[in-house]
Amino acid sequence: SADILVLFCELFVRILFLM
């Protein structure tokens, strides 16, 4: 359950870096 949250956080950070 917590792993999914971490994956979402990592994805969000990567999107922010791309922007």
PDB file of N, CA and C in Angstrom:
ATOM      1  N   SER A   1       0.850  -1.219   0.000  1.00  0.00           N
ATOM      2  CA  SER A   1       0.000   0.000   0.000  1.00  0.00           C
ATOM      3  C   SER A   1       0.874   1.252   0.000  1.00  0.00           C
ATOM      4  N   ALA A   2       1.888   1.244   0.841  1.00  0.00           N
ATOM      5  CA  ALA A   2       2.758   2.434   0.920  1.00  0.00           C
ATOM      6  C   ALA A   2       3.617   2.554  -0.339  1.00  0.00           C
ATOM      7  N   ASP A   3       3.938   1.399  -0.940  1.00  0.00           N
ATOM      8  CA  ASP A   3       4.770   1.419  -2.153  1.00  0.00           C
ATOM      9  C   ASP A   3       4.098   2.222  -3.263  1.00  0.00           C
ATOM     10  N   ILE A   4       2.777   2.074  -3.386  1.00  0.00           N
ATOM     11  CA  ILE A   4       2.054   2.806  -4.433  1.00  0.00           C
ATOM     12  C   ILE A   4       2.181   4.305  -4.207  1.00  0.00           C
ATOM     13  N   LEU A   5       2.105   4.734  -2.948  1.00  0.00           N
ATOM     14  CA  LEU A   5       2.222   6.163  -2.633  1.00  0.00           C
ATOM     15  C   LEU A   5       3.603   6.666  -3.025  1.00  0.00           C
ATOM     16  N   VAL A   6       4.624   5.868  -2.737  1.00  0.00           N
ATOM     17  CA  VAL A   6       6.003   6.259  -3.084  1.00  0.00           C
ATOM     18  C   VAL A   6       6.135   6.381  -4.595  1.00  0.00           C
ATOM     19  N   LEU A   7       5.557   5.433  -5.329  1.00  0.00           N
ATOM     20  CA  LEU A   7       5.634   5.475  -6.794  1.00  0.00           C
ATOM     21  C   LEU A   7       4.968   6.742  -7.318  1.00  0.00           C
ATOM     22  N   PHE A   8       3.813   7.092  -6.757  1.00  0.00           N
ATOM     23  CA  PHE A   8       3.116   8.303  -7.187  1.00  0.00           C
ATOM     24  C   PHE A   8       3.948   9.542  -6.902  1.00  0.00           C
ATOM     25  N   CYS A   9       4.582   9.571  -5.743  1.00  0.00           N
ATOM     26  CA  CYS A   9       5.428  10.719  -5.376  1.00  0.00           C
ATOM     27  C   CYS A   9       6.588  10.841  -6.354  1.00  0.00           C
ATOM     28  N   GLU A  10       7.226   9.720  -6.667  1.00  0.00           N
ATOM     29  CA  GLU A  10       8.360   9.737  -7.587  1.00  0.00           C
ATOM     30  C   GLU A  10       7.908  10.207  -8.968  1.00  0.00           C
ATOM     31  N   LEU A  11       6.743   9.726  -9.402  1.00  0.00           N
ATOM     32  CA  LEU A  11       6.220  10.132 -10.704  1.00  0.00           C
ATOM     33  C   LEU A  11       5.951  11.635 -10.722  1.00  0.00           C
ATOM     34  N   PHE A  12       5.353  12.146  -9.655  1.00  0.00           N
ATOM     35  CA  PHE A  12       5.042  13.577  -9.570  1.00  0.00           C
ATOM     36  C   PHE A  12       6.315  14.413  -9.615  1.00  0.00           C
ATOM     37  N   VAL A  13       7.335  13.966  -8.884  1.00  0.00           N
ATOM     38  CA  VAL A  13       8.612  14.699  -8.860  1.00  0.00           C
ATOM     39  C   VAL A  13       9.232  14.716 -10.256  1.00  0.00           C
ATOM     40  N   ARG A  14       9.179  13.576 -10.944  1.00  0.00           N
ATOM     41  CA  ARG A  14       9.761  13.518 -12.298  1.00  0.00           C
ATOM     42  C   ARG A  14       9.028  14.457 -13.242  1.00  0.00           C
ATOM     43  N   ILE A  15       7.704  14.507 -13.141  1.00  0.00           N
ATOM     44  CA  ILE A  15       6.920  15.405 -14.002  1.00  0.00           C
ATOM     45  C   ILE A  15       7.295  16.857 -13.715  1.00  0.00           C
ATOM     46  N   LEU A  16       7.468  17.184 -12.425  1.00  0.00           N
ATOM     47  CA  LEU A  16       7.841  18.555 -12.064  1.00  0.00           C
ATOM     48  C   LEU A  16       9.210  18.895 -12.641  1.00  0.00           C
ATOM     49  N   PHE A  17      10.122  17.923 -12.610  1.00  0.00           N
ATOM     50  CA  PHE A  17      11.471  18.166 -13.140  1.00  0.00           C
ATOM     51  C   PHE A  17      11.402  18.394 -14.651  1.00  0.00           C
ATOM     52  N   LEU A  18      10.520  17.648 -15.332  1.00  0.00           N
ATOM     53  CA  LEU A  18      10.397  17.798 -16.784  1.00  0.00           C
ATOM     54  C   LEU A  18       9.817  19.167 -17.128  1.00  0.00           C
ATOM     55  N   MET A  19       8.976  19.698 -16.244  1.00  0.00           N
ATOM     56  CA  MET A  19       8.367  21.007 -16.502  1.00  0.00           C
ATOM     57  C   MET A  19       9.309  22.111 -16.058  1.00  0.00           C
TER      58      MET A  19
END
